Structures are given as structure tokens and as C-alpha cells.
Amino acid sequence: MRAASSQWSNCYNHQPRRIERFPENNSNPGYLPTLPPNPSRQGRTFPSFSIDPSKSTPTPITQSLPPLVVVGSANADIYVEIDRLPKEGETISARLGRTLAGGKGANQAACGGRLSYPTYFVGQVGEDAHGSLVRTALEGGGVNLGYCSVIDGVPTGHAVVMLQPDGQNSIIIVGGANTSGWPDVLPDEDLGLIKSAGIVLLQREIPDSVNIQVAKAASSAGVPVILDAGGVDSPVPQELLSSVDVFSPNETELSRLTGLPTESFEQISQAVLKLHEKGVKQVLVKLGAKGSALFVQGQEPIKQPIVSAQKVIDTTGAGDTFTAAFAVALVEGKSKAECLRFAAAAASLCVQVKGAIPSMPDRQSVIKLLKSL
């Protein structure tokens, strides 16, 4: 316990600083070597496994694909299973408690890796047991950690997830290394990776200043950027929205960000129009049990119902699974309707398993489910 006490004391005695990068695991076929900047990515399409249910076997990838790069948060999720949420001033007992790897960025990266797409994670963890937990989980999913940093003096981000019997959850997040110790200017090697990506995924559990740098770098190289609205509940800076290709909120986030109700599809459409007015051309709205919809400015929205799950065990990470699966299908050149369908199937499999990263489905399971529909 002495080592742990020393680690936590660093939080008070030192300014956060980067002390190392995780080495790239080149023995894992899911990993890629560091890529040089390539500004000519715009307009390219890439072959991939087919998700056409009429095909009996997947079509193998025939060329090297530019990676999915996820820049974002990594957490240790501390799960407590409860019968109900406590009332103010009340103490209740949990049926079970455990700690699993999570965080919106790590969840999305793990999903990309599990879907057999080359995936990099750019983020920060503390020099503690929770950081090791996250690293092990991501490496196990085939995610490249060559751009993930260890931060001295700050604990790994963590979250308390209160899971109820119907699979619904309430979450409290502590930022930790996700929000402290980022450099004022991202290293050239990070920006080079971002410019060489096939697609970039962002969320709002890291500072907006980092997301803005990433989005601008990707945009300058013609790399599409998807911003998940999940994270802090503050307004999204216009500077960030202007560099994003797809903005993805859920109903609650859409209502909060626009100040408009989102109880009906018509209301959702009106709220999306407000985002279009801010320059966001594509809005991917996650609607929970009502499915999802992609709004492309000037076009009719594309609706996707949920793919029914046999039993909902835990909804934690379902939105991240959906967003990451959509990104994978998009960079592989699928139509937008196919992207939505692929993402819905992945999310359906996710909610049938406890935990965030442990519940991420593999590609073959998603394809099998799609064929069965």
C-alpha cells in the first residue's frame, strides 16, 4: 500500500507532466507502424469486409486501410449494481461492485479494434493501477497505444457507474488525466498521425482546446471528423463545430445544446436545423430505444430502427459502440444507410453484456447478426 499512497500524494506535490509513451506492440497484427502525414486523403474510398447479408462469407480486405484514430478519454469504470438510485441523504447497499476499463474515447477505440479495423488511441492515463487496467483492455482489443501517454502526478480518470436491474445507468465522472496535463500544442507526431487517418473520432471528456487542434489538423488534410457530444455539458465552441464533419448527440444532449425540446421526431428535426445553422452539415442523432437518424443538410433524414436485443443487460457503452461502428463502416466506403444499420447491430450486441469495453462486439458477430435479420 505504500506505493499507492506515494502515487496519490503526487497529485498534490507536482504539476502534471508526461513521463512516457506506451510502446507500439508490433507483434499484434491489428497494430500499424507510425504513419507519415498524407494530405491527399479526401475523396478516397476503401474496400473492406462486406456487410451485405446476401453474401455467405466476408470479402477480405485487399489493401492497407488508413487507421481510425480516436482522440479522447480513458477511465476506470467503478460499477455498483443497485436496485434503485438512492434518495438525497440516503445510504443503500449495492448487490455487486467491480472495476472495468472504460471512458468514451477508450470505448470507441476498443470498438474499432474489436471490429478488426486498424485503430489508434491518443489519450492520457495516470501512473497507477487504473492506467494499467485501461492499457491491458485496449491492447487486448488490438488497439495501438503508441500515442497514449502516462501522466505523472494525476490519477487516471474514473467514473462511478450506478447500474439498475433494467440495464439503465447513471454515471459520475472524475476527469483526472483526461483533463489535466495536456500540452498547449500537440506534438508533431500526434498531428502527423491525425493527418494520415482515414477518420478521426472525438468526444467531450477531454479539453475543447485539444479537440479543436485535432479537428483542425484533420480538416486541413481532408480527414473526416466525427464529434460525439457526450462529456461536459457546456456549449460546443463554434471553432470546434466548424471543423467537424459529423456531430453526434443523443436526444438529451441535442435538447441541452439547442435549448429546444426533442420529444418527437419533428422536434428533433427542428433542433437539428439549429445545428445546421451553426455550420454542422451532418448530425447523427442517437435515439435510444427509438433507434437513430442521420440528418444531412438539404436531404431527407435517414432513419434506422434499433436491432432488438434478446435481453438488455447494460446500456453502458452502447452509444460509443454505435458511434465507432458507424465510423468504421463510413471509412470503409459503405453507404450512410449501411453505416447506420451496421452501427445498430453492433449496439444491439453491446447492451447484452455487462461493462463497456468488455461488451464491444467483434466483426464476425455483427455480420452474423445482420445476416439473421
Protein backbone atom coordinates (compact mmCIF):
# COMPACT_ATOMS: atom_id res chain seq x y z
CA MET A 1 0.00 0.00 0.00
CA ARG A 2 2.98 2.34 0.40
CA ALA A 3 3.39 2.64 -3.38
CA ALA A 4 -0.25 3.57 -3.80
CA SER A 5 -0.02 6.22 -1.07
CA SER A 6 3.05 7.72 -2.72
CA GLN A 7 1.29 7.83 -6.08
CA TRP A 8 -1.72 9.67 -4.72
CA SER A 9 0.49 12.13 -2.85
CA ASN A 10 1.95 13.14 -6.22
CA CYS A 11 -1.42 14.66 -7.07
CA TYR A 12 -0.70 17.37 -4.53
CA ASN A 13 3.07 17.77 -4.78
CA HIS A 14 3.73 18.02 -8.54
CA GLN A 15 2.43 19.68 -11.64
CA PRO A 16 1.17 17.13 -14.18
CA ARG A 17 3.72 16.13 -16.82
CA ARG A 18 4.09 13.45 -19.47
CA ILE A 19 6.65 10.87 -18.44
CA GLU A 20 6.37 8.24 -21.17
CA ARG A 21 4.50 6.90 -24.15
CA PHE A 22 3.33 3.33 -24.37
CA PRO A 23 5.42 1.42 -26.91
CA GLU A 24 3.76 0.20 -30.07
CA ASN A 25 3.01 -3.52 -30.00
CA ASN A 26 4.13 -4.53 -33.47
CA SER A 27 3.61 -8.22 -32.72
CA ASN A 28 -0.14 -7.65 -32.85
CA PRO A 29 -1.44 -7.68 -36.46
CA GLY A 30 -4.04 -5.07 -35.50
CA TYR A 31 -1.27 -2.53 -34.96
CA LEU A 32 0.25 -0.27 -37.61
CA PRO A 33 3.61 1.48 -37.70
CA THR A 34 3.70 5.24 -37.29
CA LEU A 35 2.30 6.85 -40.43
CA PRO A 36 3.62 9.96 -42.21
CA PRO A 37 1.31 12.89 -42.87
CA ASN A 38 -0.77 12.47 -46.03
CA PRO A 39 -2.94 15.45 -47.02
CA SER A 40 -4.41 13.67 -50.08
CA ARG A 41 -6.88 11.51 -48.14
CA GLN A 42 -10.01 13.38 -49.25
CA GLY A 43 -12.31 11.60 -51.66
CA ARG A 44 -10.80 8.12 -51.29
CA THR A 45 -12.85 5.01 -50.64
CA PHE A 46 -11.56 1.72 -49.32
CA PRO A 47 -12.61 -1.92 -49.73
CA SER A 48 -13.45 -3.94 -46.64
CA PHE A 49 -15.42 -6.85 -45.31
CA SER A 50 -18.88 -6.90 -46.85
CA ILE A 51 -21.86 -6.39 -44.57
CA ASP A 52 -24.28 -7.38 -47.31
CA PRO A 53 -26.44 -10.14 -45.76
CA SER A 54 -26.71 -11.82 -49.17
CA LYS A 55 -23.01 -12.67 -49.08
CA SER A 56 -22.26 -16.01 -47.46
CA THR A 57 -18.71 -15.08 -46.41
CA PRO A 58 -17.00 -11.76 -45.76
CA THR A 59 -14.93 -10.23 -48.54
CA PRO A 60 -11.36 -9.88 -47.19
CA ILE A 61 -9.60 -6.54 -47.05
CA THR A 62 -7.43 -6.26 -50.16
CA GLN A 63 -5.33 -3.21 -49.31
CA SER A 64 -3.93 -1.46 -46.29
CA LEU A 65 -6.53 0.87 -44.81
CA PRO A 66 -5.83 4.26 -43.21
CA PRO A 67 -6.50 3.95 -39.48
CA LEU A 68 -9.33 5.03 -37.27
CA VAL A 69 -7.76 7.50 -34.83
CA VAL A 70 -9.61 8.09 -31.57
CA VAL A 71 -8.50 11.08 -29.51
CA GLY A 72 -10.21 11.11 -26.15
CA SER A 73 -10.72 9.88 -22.63
CA ALA A 74 -9.80 6.72 -20.78
CA ASN A 75 -11.42 5.80 -17.47
CA ALA A 76 -11.63 3.10 -14.89
CA ASP A 77 -15.36 2.47 -14.56
CA ILE A 78 -16.32 1.58 -10.99
CA TYR A 79 -19.57 -0.35 -11.30
CA VAL A 80 -22.09 -0.68 -8.50
CA GLU A 81 -25.21 -2.74 -9.18
CA ILE A 82 -28.19 -1.34 -7.30
CA ASP A 83 -31.94 -1.93 -7.19
CA ARG A 84 -32.65 1.79 -7.40
CA LEU A 85 -30.93 5.16 -7.13
CA PRO A 86 -30.52 6.47 -3.57
CA LYS A 87 -32.63 9.40 -2.43
CA GLU A 88 -30.99 12.54 -1.08
CA GLY A 89 -29.29 11.77 2.24
CA GLU A 90 -29.95 8.02 1.89
CA THR A 91 -27.43 5.17 2.04
CA ILE A 92 -28.22 1.95 0.18
CA SER A 93 -26.33 -1.29 -0.40
CA ALA A 94 -25.11 -2.49 -3.78
CA ARG A 95 -25.52 -6.07 -4.90
CA LEU A 96 -22.13 -6.08 -6.59
CA GLY A 97 -19.18 -3.80 -7.24
CA ARG A 98 -16.29 -4.12 -9.69
CA THR A 99 -13.90 -2.00 -11.75
CA LEU A 100 -13.63 -2.24 -15.55
CA ALA A 101 -11.87 -0.21 -18.23
CA GLY A 102 -13.96 2.47 -19.94
CA GLY A 103 -14.16 6.15 -20.89
CA LYS A 104 -15.77 7.36 -24.12
CA GLY A 105 -12.51 7.56 -26.04
CA ALA A 106 -11.22 4.19 -24.88
CA ASN A 107 -14.64 2.62 -25.51
CA GLN A 108 -14.70 3.85 -29.10
CA ALA A 109 -11.12 2.77 -29.73
CA ALA A 110 -11.81 -0.68 -28.30
CA CYS A 111 -14.84 -0.99 -30.55
CA GLY A 112 -12.77 -0.12 -33.62
CA GLY A 113 -10.18 -2.71 -32.66
CA ARG A 114 -12.80 -5.39 -31.97
CA LEU A 115 -14.33 -4.70 -35.39
CA SER A 116 -10.94 -5.63 -36.92
CA TYR A 117 -10.20 -2.12 -38.12
CA PRO A 118 -6.70 -0.65 -37.57
CA THR A 119 -7.21 1.70 -34.63
CA TYR A 120 -5.02 4.13 -32.70
CA PHE A 121 -5.86 5.68 -29.33
CA VAL A 122 -4.44 9.11 -28.47
CA GLY A 123 -5.06 9.90 -24.81
CA GLN A 124 -3.65 10.09 -21.30
CA VAL A 125 -3.69 7.90 -18.20
CA GLY A 126 -2.09 8.21 -14.78
CA GLU A 127 0.82 6.20 -13.47
CA ASP A 128 -1.45 3.96 -11.42
CA ALA A 129 -3.30 0.65 -11.39
CA HIS A 130 -6.29 2.13 -13.22
CA GLY A 131 -3.99 3.21 -16.06
CA SER A 132 -2.64 -0.34 -16.32
CA LEU A 133 -6.21 -1.64 -16.38
CA VAL A 134 -7.09 0.58 -19.34
CA ARG A 135 -3.89 -0.26 -21.19
CA THR A 136 -4.44 -4.00 -20.81
CA ALA A 137 -8.03 -3.77 -22.02
CA LEU A 138 -7.13 -1.73 -25.10
CA GLU A 139 -4.15 -3.87 -26.02
CA GLY A 140 -6.37 -6.93 -25.70
CA GLY A 141 -8.69 -5.39 -28.27
CA GLY A 142 -5.89 -4.79 -30.78
CA VAL A 143 -5.68 -1.02 -30.27
CA ASN A 144 -2.36 0.72 -30.94
CA LEU A 145 -1.22 2.59 -27.82
CA GLY A 146 1.92 4.19 -29.27
CA TYR A 147 0.32 7.62 -28.85
CA CYS A 148 -1.12 7.15 -25.35
CA SER A 149 0.79 9.00 -22.63
CA VAL A 150 1.36 8.35 -18.92
CA ILE A 151 0.92 11.50 -16.79
CA ASP A 152 2.85 11.89 -13.56
CA GLY A 153 1.04 13.38 -10.57
CA VAL A 154 -2.53 12.87 -11.83
CA PRO A 155 -4.69 9.77 -11.38
CA THR A 156 -6.28 8.02 -14.32
CA GLY A 157 -9.78 9.30 -14.99
CA HIS A 158 -12.53 7.25 -13.42
CA ALA A 159 -16.28 7.02 -13.29
CA VAL A 160 -18.85 5.63 -10.86
CA VAL A 161 -21.50 3.74 -12.83
CA MET A 162 -24.72 3.01 -10.95
CA LEU A 163 -26.35 0.13 -12.82
CA GLN A 164 -30.02 -0.71 -12.24
CA PRO A 165 -31.78 -4.04 -12.93
CA ASP A 166 -33.30 -2.85 -16.25
CA GLY A 167 -29.83 -2.11 -17.65
CA GLN A 168 -30.14 1.67 -17.35
CA ASN A 169 -27.33 3.56 -15.65
CA SER A 170 -26.36 6.83 -14.01
CA ILE A 171 -22.73 7.92 -14.22
CA ILE A 172 -20.48 10.35 -12.32
CA ILE A 173 -17.13 11.15 -13.99
CA VAL A 174 -13.84 12.32 -12.45
CA GLY A 175 -11.62 13.76 -15.20
CA GLY A 176 -8.15 13.03 -13.81
CA ALA A 177 -5.57 12.59 -16.58
CA ASN A 178 -8.26 13.13 -19.21
CA THR A 179 -8.49 16.80 -18.35
CA SER A 180 -5.04 17.60 -16.86
CA GLY A 181 -1.53 17.64 -18.28
CA TRP A 182 -2.29 18.03 -21.98
CA PRO A 183 0.37 20.08 -23.81
CA ASP A 184 -0.69 23.52 -25.01
CA VAL A 185 0.33 22.45 -28.52
CA LEU A 186 0.01 18.81 -29.54
CA PRO A 187 3.28 17.13 -30.66
CA ASP A 188 4.00 16.99 -34.39
CA GLU A 189 3.95 13.19 -34.25
CA ASP A 190 0.37 13.24 -32.95
CA LEU A 191 -0.73 15.72 -35.60
CA GLY A 192 1.02 13.65 -38.26
CA LEU A 193 -0.93 10.56 -37.23
CA ILE A 194 -4.19 12.52 -37.30
CA LYS A 195 -3.48 13.85 -40.80
CA SER A 196 -2.78 10.30 -42.01
CA ALA A 197 -6.00 8.86 -40.59
CA GLY A 198 -8.94 7.54 -42.55
CA ILE A 199 -11.30 9.02 -39.98
CA VAL A 200 -10.98 10.70 -36.56
CA LEU A 201 -13.29 10.27 -33.58
CA LEU A 202 -13.59 12.88 -30.81
CA GLN A 203 -15.70 13.23 -27.65
CA ARG A 204 -16.02 15.92 -24.98
CA GLU A 205 -14.37 14.23 -21.98
CA ILE A 206 -11.04 15.94 -22.82
CA PRO A 207 -10.41 19.70 -23.11
CA ASP A 208 -12.06 21.50 -26.02
CA SER A 209 -8.67 23.06 -26.81
CA VAL A 210 -7.29 19.60 -27.63
CA ASN A 211 -10.32 18.67 -29.73
CA ILE A 212 -10.02 21.93 -31.68
CA GLN A 213 -6.37 21.26 -32.54
CA VAL A 214 -7.18 17.73 -33.64
CA ALA A 215 -10.24 18.71 -35.69
CA LYS A 216 -8.37 21.50 -37.47
CA ALA A 217 -5.42 19.23 -38.28
CA ALA A 218 -7.72 16.52 -39.65
CA SER A 219 -9.79 19.03 -41.64
CA SER A 220 -6.67 20.53 -43.22
CA ALA A 221 -5.73 17.06 -44.51
CA GLY A 222 -9.23 16.18 -45.76
CA VAL A 223 -9.75 13.61 -42.99
CA PRO A 224 -13.39 13.36 -41.81
CA VAL A 225 -14.06 14.07 -38.13
CA ILE A 226 -16.91 12.73 -36.02
CA LEU A 227 -17.55 14.52 -32.73
CA ASP A 228 -19.56 12.65 -30.12
CA ALA A 229 -21.41 15.20 -27.99
CA GLY A 230 -21.04 13.14 -24.81
CA GLY A 231 -18.95 14.59 -21.98
CA VAL A 232 -19.13 18.06 -20.47
CA ASP A 233 -22.50 19.79 -20.66
CA SER A 234 -21.14 23.17 -21.76
CA PRO A 235 -21.83 24.68 -25.20
CA VAL A 236 -19.66 23.34 -28.03
CA PRO A 237 -17.23 26.05 -29.23
CA GLN A 238 -18.06 27.27 -32.74
CA GLU A 239 -14.38 26.85 -33.63
CA LEU A 240 -14.76 23.12 -32.99
CA LEU A 241 -18.10 22.71 -34.75
CA SER A 242 -16.68 24.41 -37.84
CA SER A 243 -14.07 21.67 -38.28
CA VAL A 244 -16.39 18.71 -37.67
CA ASP A 245 -17.97 16.66 -40.47
CA VAL A 246 -20.46 14.70 -38.35
CA PHE A 247 -21.78 15.81 -34.95
CA SER A 248 -23.38 13.03 -32.91
CA PRO A 249 -25.56 13.84 -29.87
CA ASN A 250 -28.25 11.76 -28.22
CA GLU A 251 -31.72 13.22 -27.65
CA THR A 252 -30.85 14.70 -24.26
CA GLU A 253 -27.62 16.28 -25.48
CA LEU A 254 -29.36 17.66 -28.57
CA SER A 255 -32.02 19.32 -26.40
CA ARG A 256 -29.46 20.74 -23.97
CA LEU A 257 -27.22 22.14 -26.71
CA THR A 258 -30.02 23.75 -28.71
CA GLY A 259 -32.43 24.70 -25.92
CA LEU A 260 -35.25 23.00 -27.82
CA PRO A 261 -37.47 20.03 -26.89
CA THR A 262 -36.69 16.67 -28.52
CA GLU A 263 -39.64 14.52 -27.51
CA SER A 264 -40.96 13.94 -31.05
CA PHE A 265 -39.18 13.37 -34.34
CA GLU A 266 -40.49 16.72 -35.58
CA GLN A 267 -38.98 18.45 -32.56
CA ILE A 268 -35.71 16.62 -33.10
CA SER A 269 -35.70 17.79 -36.71
CA GLN A 270 -36.20 21.41 -35.60
CA ALA A 271 -33.34 21.11 -33.11
CA VAL A 272 -31.09 19.69 -35.82
CA LEU A 273 -31.92 22.67 -38.04
CA LYS A 274 -30.45 24.90 -35.35
CA LEU A 275 -27.19 22.94 -35.59
CA HIS A 276 -27.24 23.23 -39.38
CA GLU A 277 -27.45 26.99 -38.90
CA LYS A 278 -24.22 26.76 -36.89
CA GLY A 279 -22.49 25.14 -39.87
CA VAL A 280 -22.85 21.44 -38.96
CA LYS A 281 -23.81 19.74 -42.22
CA GLN A 282 -24.34 16.21 -40.81
CA VAL A 283 -25.95 15.39 -37.47
CA LEU A 284 -26.14 11.78 -36.29
CA VAL A 285 -28.73 11.55 -33.51
CA LYS A 286 -28.81 8.54 -31.19
CA LEU A 287 -32.40 7.98 -30.09
CA GLY A 288 -32.05 5.10 -27.62
CA ALA A 289 -34.90 2.62 -27.92
CA LYS A 290 -36.25 4.60 -30.90
CA GLY A 291 -33.14 3.91 -32.98
CA SER A 292 -31.13 6.62 -34.72
CA ALA A 293 -31.32 9.13 -37.55
CA LEU A 294 -28.77 10.83 -39.75
CA PHE A 295 -29.62 14.36 -40.84
CA VAL A 296 -27.65 15.61 -43.85
CA GLN A 297 -28.31 19.26 -44.61
CA GLY A 298 -30.57 19.65 -47.65
CA GLN A 299 -31.59 15.97 -47.70
CA GLU A 300 -34.28 13.82 -46.16
CA PRO A 301 -33.18 12.25 -42.84
CA ILE A 302 -32.18 8.59 -42.88
CA LYS A 303 -33.91 6.69 -40.08
CA GLN A 304 -32.64 3.45 -38.55
CA PRO A 305 -34.71 1.46 -36.03
CA ILE A 306 -32.96 -0.43 -33.27
CA VAL A 307 -31.88 -4.00 -33.83
CA SER A 308 -33.74 -5.70 -30.99
CA ALA A 309 -31.65 -7.35 -28.30
CA GLN A 310 -32.75 -10.61 -26.70
CA LYS A 311 -32.19 -9.05 -23.29
CA VAL A 312 -30.82 -5.67 -22.23
CA ILE A 313 -28.19 -6.26 -19.54
CA ASP A 314 -26.23 -2.99 -19.50
CA THR A 315 -26.53 0.07 -21.75
CA THR A 316 -23.12 1.45 -20.72
CA GLY A 317 -21.00 1.98 -23.82
CA ALA A 318 -23.85 1.35 -26.28
CA GLY A 319 -23.69 4.89 -27.67
CA ASP A 320 -19.90 4.65 -28.04
CA THR A 321 -20.25 1.31 -29.80
CA PHE A 322 -22.80 2.81 -32.18
CA THR A 323 -20.62 5.84 -33.00
CA ALA A 324 -17.43 3.82 -33.50
CA ALA A 325 -19.17 1.18 -35.63
CA PHE A 326 -20.69 3.93 -37.77
CA ALA A 327 -17.21 5.44 -38.22
CA VAL A 328 -15.70 2.09 -39.23
CA ALA A 329 -18.39 1.44 -41.82
CA LEU A 330 -18.10 5.01 -43.12
CA VAL A 331 -14.32 4.89 -43.65
CA GLU A 332 -14.76 1.55 -45.39
CA GLY A 333 -16.89 3.24 -48.02
CA LYS A 334 -20.34 1.99 -47.02
CA SER A 335 -23.47 3.96 -47.82
CA LYS A 336 -24.85 6.05 -44.99
CA ALA A 337 -27.83 3.70 -44.64
CA GLU A 338 -25.47 0.72 -44.36
CA CYS A 339 -23.39 2.59 -41.78
CA LEU A 340 -26.49 3.13 -39.63
CA ARG A 341 -27.54 -0.50 -39.94
CA PHE A 342 -24.06 -1.80 -39.08
CA ALA A 343 -23.90 0.53 -36.06
CA ALA A 344 -27.36 -0.52 -34.84
CA ALA A 345 -26.38 -4.20 -34.95
CA ALA A 346 -23.15 -3.52 -33.03
CA ALA A 347 -25.02 -1.55 -30.35
CA SER A 348 -27.59 -4.35 -30.02
CA LEU A 349 -24.84 -6.83 -29.19
CA CYS A 350 -23.20 -4.36 -26.79
CA VAL A 351 -26.22 -3.98 -24.48
CA GLN A 352 -26.39 -7.75 -23.93
CA VAL A 353 -23.09 -7.84 -21.98
CA LYS A 354 -22.07 -6.08 -18.75
CA GLY A 355 -19.39 -3.41 -18.89
CA ALA A 356 -18.32 -1.00 -21.61
CA ILE A 357 -15.14 -2.35 -23.22
CA PRO A 358 -15.95 -5.99 -22.34
CA SER A 359 -19.25 -5.65 -24.22
CA MET A 360 -17.79 -4.44 -27.53
CA PRO A 361 -18.72 -6.96 -30.27
CA ASP A 362 -16.33 -8.43 -32.82
CA ARG A 363 -16.88 -8.03 -36.55
CA GLN A 364 -17.98 -11.58 -37.22
CA SER A 365 -20.69 -11.36 -34.54
CA VAL A 366 -22.04 -8.15 -36.10
CA ILE A 367 -22.07 -9.66 -39.59
CA LYS A 368 -23.78 -12.81 -38.28
CA LEU A 369 -26.49 -10.71 -36.63
CA LEU A 370 -27.03 -8.67 -39.81
CA LYS A 371 -27.43 -11.84 -41.86
CA SER A 372 -30.08 -13.10 -39.45
CA LEU A 373 -32.32 -10.03 -39.80
